[in-house]
All heavy atoms as atom14 arrays in JSON, in Angstrom:
{
  "sequence": "AFDGRESLCGYGVGTDCLSAPPVEWKGDGTYIQKSGIVQDFGLFE",
  "atom14_mask": [
    [1, 1, 1, 1, 1, 0, 0, 0, 0, 0, 0, 0, 0, 0],
    [1, 1, 1, 1, 1, 1, 1, 1, 1, 1, 1, 0, 0, 0],
    [1, 1, 1, 1, 1, 1, 1, 1, 0, 0, 0, 0, 0, 0],
    [1, 1, 1, 1, 0, 0, 0, 0, 0, 0, 0, 0, 0, 0],
    [1, 1, 1, 1, 1, 1, 1, 1, 1, 1, 1, 0, 0, 0],
    [1, 1, 1, 1, 1, 1, 1, 1, 1, 0, 0, 0, 0, 0],
    [1, 1, 1, 1, 1, 1, 0, 0, 0, 0, 0, 0, 0, 0],
    [1, 1, 1, 1, 1, 1, 1, 1, 0, 0, 0, 0, 0, 0],
    [1, 1, 1, 1, 1, 1, 0, 0, 0, 0, 0, 0, 0, 0],
    [1, 1, 1, 1, 0, 0, 0, 0, 0, 0, 0, 0, 0, 0],
    [1, 1, 1, 1, 1, 1, 1, 1, 1, 1, 1, 1, 0, 0],
    [1, 1, 1, 1, 0, 0, 0, 0, 0, 0, 0, 0, 0, 0],
    [1, 1, 1, 1, 1, 1, 1, 0, 0, 0, 0, 0, 0, 0],
    [1, 1, 1, 1, 0, 0, 0, 0, 0, 0, 0, 0, 0, 0],
    [1, 1, 1, 1, 1, 1, 1, 0, 0, 0, 0, 0, 0, 0],
    [1, 1, 1, 1, 1, 1, 1, 1, 0, 0, 0, 0, 0, 0],
    [1, 1, 1, 1, 1, 1, 0, 0, 0, 0, 0, 0, 0, 0],
    [1, 1, 1, 1, 1, 1, 1, 1, 0, 0, 0, 0, 0, 0],
    [1, 1, 1, 1, 1, 1, 0, 0, 0, 0, 0, 0, 0, 0],
    [1, 1, 1, 1, 1, 0, 0, 0, 0, 0, 0, 0, 0, 0],
    [1, 1, 1, 1, 1, 1, 1, 0, 0, 0, 0, 0, 0, 0],
    [1, 1, 1, 1, 1, 1, 1, 0, 0, 0, 0, 0, 0, 0],
    [1, 1, 1, 1, 1, 1, 1, 0, 0, 0, 0, 0, 0, 0],
    [1, 1, 1, 1, 1, 1, 1, 1, 1, 0, 0, 0, 0, 0],
    [1, 1, 1, 1, 1, 1, 1, 1, 1, 1, 1, 1, 1, 1],
    [1, 1, 1, 1, 1, 1, 1, 1, 1, 0, 0, 0, 0, 0],
    [1, 1, 1, 1, 0, 0, 0, 0, 0, 0, 0, 0, 0, 0],
    [1, 1, 1, 1, 1, 1, 1, 1, 0, 0, 0, 0, 0, 0],
    [1, 1, 1, 1, 0, 0, 0, 0, 0, 0, 0, 0, 0, 0],
    [1, 1, 1, 1, 1, 1, 1, 0, 0, 0, 0, 0, 0, 0],
    [1, 1, 1, 1, 1, 1, 1, 1, 1, 1, 1, 1, 0, 0],
    [1, 1, 1, 1, 1, 1, 1, 1, 0, 0, 0, 0, 0, 0],
    [1, 1, 1, 1, 1, 1, 1, 1, 1, 0, 0, 0, 0, 0],
    [1, 1, 1, 1, 1, 1, 1, 1, 1, 0, 0, 0, 0, 0],
    [1, 1, 1, 1, 1, 1, 0, 0, 0, 0, 0, 0, 0, 0],
    [1, 1, 1, 1, 0, 0, 0, 0, 0, 0, 0, 0, 0, 0],
    [1, 1, 1, 1, 1, 1, 1, 1, 0, 0, 0, 0, 0, 0],
    [1, 1, 1, 1, 1, 1, 1, 0, 0, 0, 0, 0, 0, 0],
    [1, 1, 1, 1, 1, 1, 1, 1, 1, 0, 0, 0, 0, 0],
    [1, 1, 1, 1, 1, 1, 1, 1, 0, 0, 0, 0, 0, 0],
    [1, 1, 1, 1, 1, 1, 1, 1, 1, 1, 1, 0, 0, 0],
    [1, 1, 1, 1, 0, 0, 0, 0, 0, 0, 0, 0, 0, 0],
    [1, 1, 1, 1, 1, 1, 1, 1, 0, 0, 0, 0, 0, 0],
    [1, 1, 1, 1, 1, 1, 1, 1, 1, 1, 1, 0, 0, 0],
    [1, 1, 1, 1, 1, 1, 1, 1, 1, 0, 0, 0, 0, 0]
  ],
  "atom14_positions": [
    [[-12.85, -5.44, -29.42], [-11.86, -5.79, -30.44], [-10.46, -5.91, -29.87], [-9.67, -6.74, -30.34], [-11.89, -4.74, -31.55], [0.0, 0.0, 0.0], [0.0, 0.0, 0.0], [0.0, 0.0, 0.0], [0.0, 0.0, 0.0], [0.0, 0.0, 0.0], [0.0, 0.0, 0.0], [0.0, 0.0, 0.0], [0.0, 0.0, 0.0], [0.0, 0.0, 0.0]],
    [[-10.16, -5.1, -28.88], [-8.82, -5.11, -28.28], [-8.88, -5.61, -26.84], [-8.2, -5.1, -25.96], [-8.21, -3.71, -28.35], [-7.95, -3.23, -29.75], [-8.84, -2.37, -30.38], [-6.83, -3.65, -30.45], [-8.62, -1.93, -31.67], [-6.6, -3.22, -31.75], [-7.49, -2.36, -32.36], [0.0, 0.0, 0.0], [0.0, 0.0, 0.0], [0.0, 0.0, 0.0]],
    [[-9.68, -6.62, -26.63], [-9.85, -7.21, -25.29], [-8.49, -7.67, -24.75], [-7.72, -8.33, -25.44], [-10.81, -8.39, -25.37], [-11.13, -8.96, -24.0], [-11.16, -8.19, -23.04], [-11.34, -10.19, -23.92], [0.0, 0.0, 0.0], [0.0, 0.0, 0.0], [0.0, 0.0, 0.0], [0.0, 0.0, 0.0], [0.0, 0.0, 0.0], [0.0, 0.0, 0.0]],
    [[-8.22, -7.3, -23.5], [-6.97, -7.69, -22.87], [-5.86, -6.67, -23.03], [-4.8, -6.81, -22.41], [0.0, 0.0, 0.0], [0.0, 0.0, 0.0], [0.0, 0.0, 0.0], [0.0, 0.0, 0.0], [0.0, 0.0, 0.0], [0.0, 0.0, 0.0], [0.0, 0.0, 0.0], [0.0, 0.0, 0.0], [0.0, 0.0, 0.0], [0.0, 0.0, 0.0]],
    [[-6.08, -5.65, -23.84], [-5.08, -4.6, -24.03], [-5.51, -3.34, -23.28], [-6.66, -2.93, -23.38], [-4.91, -4.28, -25.5], [-3.89, -3.17, -25.77], [-3.81, -2.77, -27.21], [-3.36, -3.86, -28.06], [-3.15, -3.74, -29.36], [-3.38, -2.6, -29.96], [-2.74, -4.78, -30.06], [0.0, 0.0, 0.0], [0.0, 0.0, 0.0], [0.0, 0.0, 0.0]],
    [[-4.6, -2.73, -22.55], [-4.9, -1.5, -21.84], [-4.36, -0.28, -22.56], [-5.01, 0.76, -22.61], [-4.34, -1.55, -20.41], [-5.07, -2.53, -19.5], [-6.53, -2.15, -19.27], [-6.91, -1.0, -19.54], [-7.3, -3.03, -18.85], [0.0, 0.0, 0.0], [0.0, 0.0, 0.0], [0.0, 0.0, 0.0], [0.0, 0.0, 0.0], [0.0, 0.0, 0.0]],
    [[-3.15, -0.36, -23.11], [-2.55, 0.77, -23.81], [-2.9, 0.7, -25.3], [-2.72, -0.34, -25.92], [-1.04, 0.77, -23.63], [-0.7, 1.02, -22.29], [0.0, 0.0, 0.0], [0.0, 0.0, 0.0], [0.0, 0.0, 0.0], [0.0, 0.0, 0.0], [0.0, 0.0, 0.0], [0.0, 0.0, 0.0], [0.0, 0.0, 0.0], [0.0, 0.0, 0.0]],
    [[-3.38, 1.81, -25.83], [-3.76, 1.84, -27.24], [-3.61, 3.24, -27.79], [-3.98, 4.22, -27.14], [-5.21, 1.38, -27.41], [-5.72, 1.29, -28.86], [-5.02, 0.19, -29.62], [-7.23, 1.08, -28.88], [0.0, 0.0, 0.0], [0.0, 0.0, 0.0], [0.0, 0.0, 0.0], [0.0, 0.0, 0.0], [0.0, 0.0, 0.0], [0.0, 0.0, 0.0]],
    [[-3.04, 3.33, -28.98], [-2.99, 4.58, -29.74], [-3.51, 4.26, -31.14], [-2.78, 3.7, -31.97], [-1.58, 5.15, -29.79], [-1.48, 6.73, -30.67], [0.0, 0.0, 0.0], [0.0, 0.0, 0.0], [0.0, 0.0, 0.0], [0.0, 0.0, 0.0], [0.0, 0.0, 0.0], [0.0, 0.0, 0.0], [0.0, 0.0, 0.0], [0.0, 0.0, 0.0]],
    [[-4.74, 4.59, -31.4], [-5.37, 4.3, -32.67], [-6.88, 4.32, -32.53], [-7.41, 4.31, -31.43], [0.0, 0.0, 0.0], [0.0, 0.0, 0.0], [0.0, 0.0, 0.0], [0.0, 0.0, 0.0], [0.0, 0.0, 0.0], [0.0, 0.0, 0.0], [0.0, 0.0, 0.0], [0.0, 0.0, 0.0], [0.0, 0.0, 0.0], [0.0, 0.0, 0.0]],
    [[-7.59, 4.38, -33.65], [-9.05, 4.38, -33.66], [-9.64, 5.5, -32.8], [-10.68, 5.35, -32.18], [-9.6, 3.02, -33.2], [-9.39, 1.93, -34.22], [-8.28, 1.09, -34.16], [-10.3, 1.74, -35.26], [-8.07, 0.09, -35.1], [-10.1, 0.74, -36.2], [-8.99, -0.07, -36.12], [-8.79, -1.05, -37.07], [0.0, 0.0, 0.0], [0.0, 0.0, 0.0]],
    [[-8.94, 6.65, -32.74], [-9.45, 7.77, -31.97], [-9.18, 7.68, -30.49], [-9.72, 8.48, -29.71], [0.0, 0.0, 0.0], [0.0, 0.0, 0.0], [0.0, 0.0, 0.0], [0.0, 0.0, 0.0], [0.0, 0.0, 0.0], [0.0, 0.0, 0.0], [0.0, 0.0, 0.0], [0.0, 0.0, 0.0], [0.0, 0.0, 0.0], [0.0, 0.0, 0.0]],
    [[-8.33, 6.75, -30.07], [-8.04, 6.54, -28.66], [-6.55, 6.73, -28.39], [-5.71, 6.28, -29.17], [-8.45, 5.11, -28.22], [-7.9, 4.78, -26.85], [-9.96, 4.97, -28.23], [0.0, 0.0, 0.0], [0.0, 0.0, 0.0], [0.0, 0.0, 0.0], [0.0, 0.0, 0.0], [0.0, 0.0, 0.0], [0.0, 0.0, 0.0], [0.0, 0.0, 0.0]],
    [[-6.24, 7.38, -27.28], [-4.89, 7.42, -26.76], [-4.99, 7.28, -25.26], [-5.22, 8.26, -24.54], [0.0, 0.0, 0.0], [0.0, 0.0, 0.0], [0.0, 0.0, 0.0], [0.0, 0.0, 0.0], [0.0, 0.0, 0.0], [0.0, 0.0, 0.0], [0.0, 0.0, 0.0], [0.0, 0.0, 0.0], [0.0, 0.0, 0.0], [0.0, 0.0, 0.0]],
    [[-4.86, 6.06, -24.75], [-5.11, 5.81, -23.33], [-4.29, 4.64, -22.82], [-3.88, 3.77, -23.6], [-6.6, 5.52, -23.08], [-6.85, 5.4, -21.67], [-7.06, 4.26, -23.78], [0.0, 0.0, 0.0], [0.0, 0.0, 0.0], [0.0, 0.0, 0.0], [0.0, 0.0, 0.0], [0.0, 0.0, 0.0], [0.0, 0.0, 0.0], [0.0, 0.0, 0.0]],
    [[-4.06, 4.62, -21.53], [-3.41, 3.5, -20.86], [-4.41, 2.62, -20.11], [-4.01, 1.7, -19.41], [-2.38, 4.02, -19.83], [-1.08, 4.45, -20.48], [-0.7, 3.85, -21.5], [-0.46, 5.4, -19.97], [0.0, 0.0, 0.0], [0.0, 0.0, 0.0], [0.0, 0.0, 0.0], [0.0, 0.0, 0.0], [0.0, 0.0, 0.0], [0.0, 0.0, 0.0]],
    [[-5.67, 2.94, -20.22], [-6.7, 2.18, -19.48], [-7.91, 1.95, -20.37], [-9.01, 2.42, -20.07], [-7.08, 2.89, -18.18], [-7.37, 4.67, -18.35], [0.0, 0.0, 0.0], [0.0, 0.0, 0.0], [0.0, 0.0, 0.0], [0.0, 0.0, 0.0], [0.0, 0.0, 0.0], [0.0, 0.0, 0.0], [0.0, 0.0, 0.0], [0.0, 0.0, 0.0]],
    [[-7.7, 1.24, -21.47], [-8.76, 1.03, -22.45], [-9.97, 0.32, -21.85], [-11.11, 0.6, -22.22], [-8.23, 0.23, -23.64], [-9.23, -0.07, -24.75], [-9.75, 1.22, -25.38], [-8.6, -0.97, -25.82], [0.0, 0.0, 0.0], [0.0, 0.0, 0.0], [0.0, 0.0, 0.0], [0.0, 0.0, 0.0], [0.0, 0.0, 0.0], [0.0, 0.0, 0.0]],
    [[-9.76, -0.6, -20.92], [-10.88, -1.36, -20.37], [-11.81, -0.48, -19.53], [-13.0, -0.77, -19.41], [-10.37, -2.53, -19.53], [-9.67, -2.06, -18.39], [0.0, 0.0, 0.0], [0.0, 0.0, 0.0], [0.0, 0.0, 0.0], [0.0, 0.0, 0.0], [0.0, 0.0, 0.0], [0.0, 0.0, 0.0], [0.0, 0.0, 0.0], [0.0, 0.0, 0.0]],
    [[-11.27, 0.6, -18.96], [-12.09, 1.48, -18.12], [-11.53, 2.9, -18.18], [-11.07, 3.44, -17.16], [-12.12, 0.96, -16.69], [0.0, 0.0, 0.0], [0.0, 0.0, 0.0], [0.0, 0.0, 0.0], [0.0, 0.0, 0.0], [0.0, 0.0, 0.0], [0.0, 0.0, 0.0], [0.0, 0.0, 0.0], [0.0, 0.0, 0.0], [0.0, 0.0, 0.0]],
    [[-11.58, 3.55, -19.33], [-11.05, 4.91, -19.42], [-11.94, 5.89, -18.65], [-13.14, 5.65, -18.48], [-11.1, 5.19, -20.93], [-12.21, 4.33, -21.43], [-12.16, 3.08, -20.6], [0.0, 0.0, 0.0], [0.0, 0.0, 0.0], [0.0, 0.0, 0.0], [0.0, 0.0, 0.0], [0.0, 0.0, 0.0], [0.0, 0.0, 0.0], [0.0, 0.0, 0.0]],
    [[-11.38, 7.0, -18.18], [-12.17, 7.97, -17.42], [-13.02, 8.85, -18.33], [-12.69, 10.0, -18.61], [-11.09, 8.78, -16.69], [-9.92, 8.73, -17.62], [-9.95, 7.36, -18.25], [0.0, 0.0, 0.0], [0.0, 0.0, 0.0], [0.0, 0.0, 0.0], [0.0, 0.0, 0.0], [0.0, 0.0, 0.0], [0.0, 0.0, 0.0], [0.0, 0.0, 0.0]],
    [[-14.12, 8.31, -18.81], [-14.98, 9.05, -19.74], [-16.33, 9.42, -19.14], [-17.06, 10.22, -19.73], [-15.19, 8.25, -21.05], [-13.87, 8.08, -21.79], [-15.84, 6.9, -20.78], [0.0, 0.0, 0.0], [0.0, 0.0, 0.0], [0.0, 0.0, 0.0], [0.0, 0.0, 0.0], [0.0, 0.0, 0.0], [0.0, 0.0, 0.0], [0.0, 0.0, 0.0]],
    [[-16.69, 8.87, -18.0], [-17.97, 9.19, -17.37], [-17.84, 10.48, -16.56], [-16.83, 10.72, -15.91], [-18.4, 8.05, -16.43], [-18.56, 6.7, -17.1], [-19.84, 6.58, -17.9], [-20.72, 7.48, -17.73], [-19.97, 5.63, -18.67], [0.0, 0.0, 0.0], [0.0, 0.0, 0.0], [0.0, 0.0, 0.0], [0.0, 0.0, 0.0], [0.0, 0.0, 0.0]],
    [[-18.88, 11.32, -16.59], [-18.89, 12.54, -15.79], [-19.13, 12.2, -14.33], [-20.17, 11.68, -13.96], [-19.96, 13.5, -16.28], [-20.21, 14.65, -15.32], [-21.35, 14.88, -14.61], [-19.29, 15.7, -14.97], [-21.21, 16.01, -13.84], [-19.96, 16.54, -14.03], [-17.99, 16.02, -15.36], [-19.35, 17.67, -13.49], [-17.39, 17.14, -14.81], [-18.06, 17.95, -13.9]],
    [[-18.13, 12.49, -13.49], [-18.24, 12.27, -12.05], [-17.76, 13.48, -11.26], [-17.5, 13.38, -10.07], [-17.42, 11.04, -11.65], [-17.91, 9.74, -12.29], [-17.05, 8.55, -11.88], [-17.55, 7.27, -12.53], [-16.69, 6.1, -12.16], [0.0, 0.0, 0.0], [0.0, 0.0, 0.0], [0.0, 0.0, 0.0], [0.0, 0.0, 0.0], [0.0, 0.0, 0.0]],
    [[-17.62, 14.61, -11.96], [-17.16, 15.82, -11.31], [-15.67, 16.05, -11.43], [-15.16, 17.04, -10.89], [0.0, 0.0, 0.0], [0.0, 0.0, 0.0], [0.0, 0.0, 0.0], [0.0, 0.0, 0.0], [0.0, 0.0, 0.0], [0.0, 0.0, 0.0], [0.0, 0.0, 0.0], [0.0, 0.0, 0.0], [0.0, 0.0, 0.0], [0.0, 0.0, 0.0]],
    [[-14.97, 15.16, -12.13], [-13.53, 15.29, -12.35], [-13.23, 15.23, -13.85], [-14.13, 15.03, -14.66], [-12.77, 14.2, -11.61], [-12.88, 14.34, -10.09], [-12.61, 15.45, -9.59], [-13.25, 13.36, -9.42], [0.0, 0.0, 0.0], [0.0, 0.0, 0.0], [0.0, 0.0, 0.0], [0.0, 0.0, 0.0], [0.0, 0.0, 0.0], [0.0, 0.0, 0.0]],
    [[-11.95, 15.34, -14.19], [-11.55, 15.34, -15.59], [-11.88, 14.03, -16.29], [-11.86, 12.95, -15.67], [0.0, 0.0, 0.0], [0.0, 0.0, 0.0], [0.0, 0.0, 0.0], [0.0, 0.0, 0.0], [0.0, 0.0, 0.0], [0.0, 0.0, 0.0], [0.0, 0.0, 0.0], [0.0, 0.0, 0.0], [0.0, 0.0, 0.0], [0.0, 0.0, 0.0]],
    [[-12.19, 14.12, -17.58], [-12.44, 12.93, -18.41], [-11.51, 12.99, -19.61], [-11.27, 14.06, -20.18], [-13.9, 12.88, -18.89], [-14.15, 13.94, -19.84], [-14.87, 13.0, -17.72], [0.0, 0.0, 0.0], [0.0, 0.0, 0.0], [0.0, 0.0, 0.0], [0.0, 0.0, 0.0], [0.0, 0.0, 0.0], [0.0, 0.0, 0.0], [0.0, 0.0, 0.0]],
    [[-10.97, 11.83, -19.99], [-9.97, 11.79, -21.05], [-10.12, 10.53, -21.89], [-10.44, 9.47, -21.37], [-8.55, 11.81, -20.46], [-8.27, 12.99, -19.56], [-8.37, 12.85, -18.18], [-7.91, 14.23, -20.08], [-8.12, 13.93, -17.34], [-7.65, 15.31, -19.25], [-7.76, 15.16, -17.88], [-7.52, 16.23, -17.05], [0.0, 0.0, 0.0], [0.0, 0.0, 0.0]],
    [[-9.8, 10.66, -23.21], [-9.76, 9.49, -24.08], [-8.66, 9.62, -25.14], [-8.27, 8.64, -25.76], [-11.13, 9.26, -24.77], [-11.2, 7.86, -25.38], [-11.4, 10.33, -25.83], [-11.1, 6.73, -24.39], [0.0, 0.0, 0.0], [0.0, 0.0, 0.0], [0.0, 0.0, 0.0], [0.0, 0.0, 0.0], [0.0, 0.0, 0.0], [0.0, 0.0, 0.0]],
    [[-8.09, 10.83, -25.34], [-7.03, 11.01, -26.32], [-5.81, 11.71, -25.74], [-4.88, 12.05, -26.46], [-7.54, 11.82, -27.53], [-8.62, 11.12, -28.33], [-9.01, 11.89, -29.59], [-8.63, 13.04, -29.79], [-9.79, 11.26, -30.45], [0.0, 0.0, 0.0], [0.0, 0.0, 0.0], [0.0, 0.0, 0.0], [0.0, 0.0, 0.0], [0.0, 0.0, 0.0]],
    [[-5.78, 11.9, -24.45], [-4.75, 12.74, -23.82], [-3.34, 12.28, -24.12], [-2.43, 13.1, -24.32], [-4.98, 12.79, -22.31], [-4.04, 13.71, -21.56], [-4.37, 13.73, -20.07], [-3.45, 14.65, -19.31], [-3.76, 14.67, -17.86], [0.0, 0.0, 0.0], [0.0, 0.0, 0.0], [0.0, 0.0, 0.0], [0.0, 0.0, 0.0], [0.0, 0.0, 0.0]],
    [[-3.11, 10.99, -24.15], [-1.74, 10.5, -24.32], [-1.21, 10.67, -25.74], [-0.04, 10.42, -26.0], [-1.64, 9.03, -23.89], [-2.42, 8.21, -24.74], [0.0, 0.0, 0.0], [0.0, 0.0, 0.0], [0.0, 0.0, 0.0], [0.0, 0.0, 0.0], [0.0, 0.0, 0.0], [0.0, 0.0, 0.0], [0.0, 0.0, 0.0], [0.0, 0.0, 0.0]],
    [[-2.08, 11.08, -26.67], [-1.64, 11.31, -28.05], [-1.22, 12.74, -28.33], [-0.85, 13.07, -29.45], [0.0, 0.0, 0.0], [0.0, 0.0, 0.0], [0.0, 0.0, 0.0], [0.0, 0.0, 0.0], [0.0, 0.0, 0.0], [0.0, 0.0, 0.0], [0.0, 0.0, 0.0], [0.0, 0.0, 0.0], [0.0, 0.0, 0.0], [0.0, 0.0, 0.0]],
    [[-1.27, 13.59, -27.3], [-0.99, 15.02, -27.5], [0.48, 15.25, -27.81], [1.37, 14.67, -27.19], [-1.42, 15.82, -26.25], [-2.96, 15.85, -26.17], [-0.87, 17.23, -26.29], [-3.48, 16.45, -24.88], [0.0, 0.0, 0.0], [0.0, 0.0, 0.0], [0.0, 0.0, 0.0], [0.0, 0.0, 0.0], [0.0, 0.0, 0.0], [0.0, 0.0, 0.0]],
    [[0.73, 16.15, -28.78], [2.09, 16.51, -29.17], [2.39, 17.96, -28.78], [3.32, 18.23, -28.04], [2.31, 16.33, -30.68], [3.74, 16.72, -31.07], [2.02, 14.88, -31.09], [0.0, 0.0, 0.0], [0.0, 0.0, 0.0], [0.0, 0.0, 0.0], [0.0, 0.0, 0.0], [0.0, 0.0, 0.0], [0.0, 0.0, 0.0], [0.0, 0.0, 0.0]],
    [[1.58, 18.9, -29.28], [1.79, 20.32, -28.96], [0.65, 20.84, -28.11], [-0.5, 20.45, -28.29], [1.85, 21.16, -30.23], [3.03, 20.89, -31.13], [3.12, 21.95, -32.23], [3.33, 23.14, -31.97], [2.97, 21.5, -33.46], [0.0, 0.0, 0.0], [0.0, 0.0, 0.0], [0.0, 0.0, 0.0], [0.0, 0.0, 0.0], [0.0, 0.0, 0.0]],
    [[0.98, 21.76, -27.2], [-0.01, 22.41, -26.35], [-0.06, 23.88, -26.75], [0.91, 24.61, -26.61], [0.39, 22.26, -24.88], [-0.62, 22.86, -23.91], [-1.55, 23.54, -24.37], [-0.46, 22.64, -22.69], [0.0, 0.0, 0.0], [0.0, 0.0, 0.0], [0.0, 0.0, 0.0], [0.0, 0.0, 0.0], [0.0, 0.0, 0.0], [0.0, 0.0, 0.0]],
    [[-1.22, 24.35, -27.23], [-1.37, 25.72, -27.66], [-1.94, 26.62, -26.57], [-2.11, 27.83, -26.77], [-2.29, 25.8, -28.89], [-1.7, 25.16, -30.12], [-2.49, 24.35, -30.94], [-0.39, 25.38, -30.48], [-1.96, 23.77, -32.08], [0.15, 24.82, -31.62], [-0.64, 24.0, -32.43], [0.0, 0.0, 0.0], [0.0, 0.0, 0.0], [0.0, 0.0, 0.0]],
    [[-2.32, 26.06, -25.43], [-2.81, 26.87, -24.33], [-4.32, 27.07, -24.37], [-5.05, 26.36, -25.06], [0.0, 0.0, 0.0], [0.0, 0.0, 0.0], [0.0, 0.0, 0.0], [0.0, 0.0, 0.0], [0.0, 0.0, 0.0], [0.0, 0.0, 0.0], [0.0, 0.0, 0.0], [0.0, 0.0, 0.0], [0.0, 0.0, 0.0], [0.0, 0.0, 0.0]],
    [[-4.78, 28.07, -23.6], [-6.2, 28.29, -23.35], [-6.78, 29.36, -24.25], [-6.12, 30.35, -24.58], [-6.4, 28.68, -21.89], [-5.93, 27.66, -20.85], [-5.97, 28.28, -19.46], [-6.76, 26.4, -20.92], [0.0, 0.0, 0.0], [0.0, 0.0, 0.0], [0.0, 0.0, 0.0], [0.0, 0.0, 0.0], [0.0, 0.0, 0.0], [0.0, 0.0, 0.0]],
    [[-8.06, 29.17, -24.61], [-8.79, 30.11, -25.45], [-10.19, 30.26, -24.87], [-10.81, 29.27, -24.46], [-8.87, 29.62, -26.89], [-7.52, 29.46, -27.55], [-6.77, 28.31, -27.34], [-7.01, 30.47, -28.36], [-5.52, 28.16, -27.94], [-5.77, 30.32, -28.96], [-5.02, 29.17, -28.74], [0.0, 0.0, 0.0], [0.0, 0.0, 0.0], [0.0, 0.0, 0.0]],
    [[-10.69, 31.49, -24.86], [-12.03, 31.69, -24.31], [-13.11, 31.11, -25.21], [-14.17, 30.72, -24.73], [-12.28, 33.18, -24.07], [-11.46, 33.74, -22.9], [-11.84, 35.14, -22.54], [-12.53, 35.82, -23.35], [-11.45, 35.58, -21.44], [0.0, 0.0, 0.0], [0.0, 0.0, 0.0], [0.0, 0.0, 0.0], [0.0, 0.0, 0.0], [0.0, 0.0, 0.0]]
  ]
}
């Protein structure tokens, strides 16, 4: 739907790399909404 666009905030997405977001498990971090974050509450067990 958003072919040709890399930056998007909407439809559950906050990313700068819509065509190839880091969502596959390869042993490193995966993200799809990170750029939409406002407040950080820290870590919880």
